[in-house]
Amino acid sequence: MNTPEELRTLKRIEDLLTTLVKVSLAETLRPILADKQQRFLYENTGRIPVKALAKKMGSSAGAISRTWQKWEDAGLLIKDGKQYRRVV
């Protein structure tokens, strides 16, 4: 079992790592967040199933999957089983 001091230290480490990842990915994320469609997709990745996203965006599930694969290659997403989730 972790002591309160250890838990505070772990939380601090997590906060610092999150900050480093955000800084590292900022340039890659900037054009995605500037585009309304891509921003919607990025913000809802891991929250809404691909078929529902495709319908809302007027896109195909295949196009979304290809975008997610590209974003995974860029380090923005992590594949978790059959689904993707955002790094930050």
C-alpha atoms as a PDB file:
ATOM      1  CA  MET A   1       0.000   0.000   0.000  1.00  0.00           C
ATOM      2  CA  ASN A   2       1.274   3.464  -0.883  1.00  0.00           C
ATOM      3  CA  THR A   3       1.728   6.143   1.736  1.00  0.00           C
ATOM      4  CA  PRO A   4       0.162   9.585   1.232  1.00  0.00           C
ATOM      5  CA  GLU A   5       3.632  10.953   0.433  1.00  0.00           C
ATOM      6  CA  GLU A   6       4.169   8.282  -2.242  1.00  0.00           C
ATOM      7  CA  LEU A   7       0.750   9.024  -3.742  1.00  0.00           C
ATOM      8  CA  ARG A   8       1.562  12.753  -3.924  1.00  0.00           C
ATOM      9  CA  THR A   9       4.878  11.951  -5.601  1.00  0.00           C
ATOM     10  CA  LEU A  10       3.195   9.654  -8.135  1.00  0.00           C
ATOM     11  CA  LYS A  11       0.572  12.315  -8.894  1.00  0.00           C
ATOM     12  CA  ARG A  12       3.341  14.881  -9.396  1.00  0.00           C
ATOM     13  CA  ILE A  13       5.159  12.532 -11.780  1.00  0.00           C
ATOM     14  CA  GLU A  14       1.928  11.938 -13.718  1.00  0.00           C
ATOM     15  CA  ASP A  15       1.294  15.693 -13.967  1.00  0.00           C
ATOM     16  CA  LEU A  16       4.833  16.335 -15.227  1.00  0.00           C
ATOM     17  CA  LEU A  17       4.620  13.545 -17.819  1.00  0.00           C
ATOM     18  CA  THR A  18       1.264  14.852 -19.051  1.00  0.00           C
ATOM     19  CA  THR A  19       2.765  18.308 -19.461  1.00  0.00           C
ATOM     20  CA  LEU A  20       5.755  16.929 -21.378  1.00  0.00           C
ATOM     21  CA  VAL A  21       3.486  14.964 -23.724  1.00  0.00           C
ATOM     22  CA  LYS A  22       1.295  18.010 -24.377  1.00  0.00           C
ATOM     23  CA  VAL A  23       4.327  20.135 -25.232  1.00  0.00           C
ATOM     24  CA  SER A  24       5.770  17.387 -27.418  1.00  0.00           C
ATOM     25  CA  LEU A  25       2.538  16.900 -29.376  1.00  0.00           C
ATOM     26  CA  ALA A  26       1.478  20.558 -29.597  1.00  0.00           C
ATOM     27  CA  GLU A  27       2.849  21.139 -33.118  1.00  0.00           C
ATOM     28  CA  THR A  28       1.289  17.920 -34.414  1.00  0.00           C
ATOM     29  CA  LEU A  29      -2.080  18.738 -32.841  1.00  0.00           C
ATOM     30  CA  ARG A  30      -2.270  22.373 -33.971  1.00  0.00           C
ATOM     31  CA  PRO A  31      -3.517  21.735 -37.552  1.00  0.00           C
ATOM     32  CA  ILE A  32      -5.895  19.006 -36.370  1.00  0.00           C
ATOM     33  CA  LEU A  33      -7.505  21.259 -33.789  1.00  0.00           C
ATOM     34  CA  ALA A  34      -7.721  24.134 -36.287  1.00  0.00           C
ATOM     35  CA  ASP A  35      -9.902  22.072 -38.655  1.00  0.00           C
ATOM     36  CA  LYS A  36     -13.499  21.740 -37.421  1.00  0.00           C
ATOM     37  CA  GLN A  37     -14.043  18.189 -38.754  1.00  0.00           C
ATOM     38  CA  GLN A  38     -10.716  16.850 -37.536  1.00  0.00           C
ATOM     39  CA  ARG A  39     -11.147  18.535 -34.164  1.00  0.00           C
ATOM     40  CA  PHE A  40     -14.557  16.885 -33.758  1.00  0.00           C
ATOM     41  CA  LEU A  41     -13.051  13.505 -34.644  1.00  0.00           C
ATOM     42  CA  TYR A  42     -10.077  13.942 -32.315  1.00  0.00           C
ATOM     43  CA  GLU A  43     -12.179  15.137 -29.391  1.00  0.00           C
ATOM     44  CA  ASN A  44     -14.604  12.226 -29.757  1.00  0.00           C
ATOM     45  CA  THR A  45     -12.057   9.481 -30.364  1.00  0.00           C
ATOM     46  CA  GLY A  46     -12.606   6.808 -27.746  1.00  0.00           C
ATOM     47  CA  ARG A  47     -15.964   8.301 -26.773  1.00  0.00           C
ATOM     48  CA  ILE A  48     -18.217   7.635 -29.757  1.00  0.00           C
ATOM     49  CA  PRO A  49     -18.162   4.418 -31.829  1.00  0.00           C
ATOM     50  CA  VAL A  50     -16.675   4.718 -35.315  1.00  0.00           C
ATOM     51  CA  LYS A  51     -19.991   4.097 -37.113  1.00  0.00           C
ATOM     52  CA  ALA A  52     -21.714   6.858 -35.131  1.00  0.00           C
ATOM     53  CA  LEU A  53     -18.786   9.218 -35.798  1.00  0.00           C
ATOM     54  CA  ALA A  54     -18.922   8.438 -39.505  1.00  0.00           C
ATOM     55  CA  LYS A  55     -22.637   9.201 -39.607  1.00  0.00           C
ATOM     56  CA  LYS A  56     -22.268  12.494 -37.692  1.00  0.00           C
ATOM     57  CA  MET A  57     -19.361  13.576 -39.883  1.00  0.00           C
ATOM     58  CA  GLY A  58     -20.817  12.434 -43.204  1.00  0.00           C
ATOM     59  CA  SER A  59     -17.758  10.255 -43.682  1.00  0.00           C
ATOM     60  CA  SER A  60     -17.016   6.553 -43.943  1.00  0.00           C
ATOM     61  CA  ALA A  61     -15.796   4.309 -41.160  1.00  0.00           C
ATOM     62  CA  GLY A  62     -12.835   3.407 -43.381  1.00  0.00           C
ATOM     63  CA  ALA A  63     -11.797   7.046 -43.773  1.00  0.00           C
ATOM     64  CA  ILE A  64     -11.967   7.538 -40.016  1.00  0.00           C
ATOM     65  CA  SER A  65      -9.951   4.364 -39.415  1.00  0.00           C
ATOM     66  CA  ARG A  66      -7.270   5.555 -41.848  1.00  0.00           C
ATOM     67  CA  THR A  67      -7.109   8.910 -40.047  1.00  0.00           C
ATOM     68  CA  TRP A  68      -6.780   7.143 -36.709  1.00  0.00           C
ATOM     69  CA  GLN A  69      -3.975   4.965 -38.073  1.00  0.00           C
ATOM     70  CA  LYS A  70      -2.173   8.088 -39.281  1.00  0.00           C
ATOM     71  CA  TRP A  71      -2.647   9.736 -35.885  1.00  0.00           C
ATOM     72  CA  GLU A  72      -1.399   6.594 -34.136  1.00  0.00           C
ATOM     73  CA  ASP A  73       1.754   6.718 -36.277  1.00  0.00           C
ATOM     74  CA  ALA A  74       2.191  10.375 -35.232  1.00  0.00           C
ATOM     75  CA  GLY A  75       1.889   9.434 -31.553  1.00  0.00           C
ATOM     76  CA  LEU A  76      -1.477  11.122 -30.954  1.00  0.00           C
ATOM     77  CA  LEU A  77      -3.452   7.930 -30.342  1.00  0.00           C
ATOM     78  CA  ILE A  78      -2.886   4.562 -28.731  1.00  0.00           C
ATOM     79  CA  LYS A  79      -4.599   1.459 -30.039  1.00  0.00           C
ATOM     80  CA  ASP A  80      -6.316  -0.283 -27.142  1.00  0.00           C
ATOM     81  CA  GLY A  81      -7.585  -3.617 -28.443  1.00  0.00           C
ATOM     82  CA  LYS A  82      -9.788  -2.767 -31.419  1.00  0.00           C
ATOM     83  CA  GLN A  83     -10.320   0.839 -30.338  1.00  0.00           C
ATOM     84  CA  TYR A  84      -8.192   3.950 -30.219  1.00  0.00           C
ATOM     85  CA  ARG A  85      -7.788   6.366 -27.339  1.00  0.00           C
ATOM     86  CA  ARG A  86      -6.137   9.754 -27.185  1.00  0.00           C
ATOM     87  CA  VAL A  87      -2.735  10.131 -25.565  1.00  0.00           C
ATOM     88  CA  VAL A  88      -3.784  13.507 -24.079  1.00  0.00           C
END
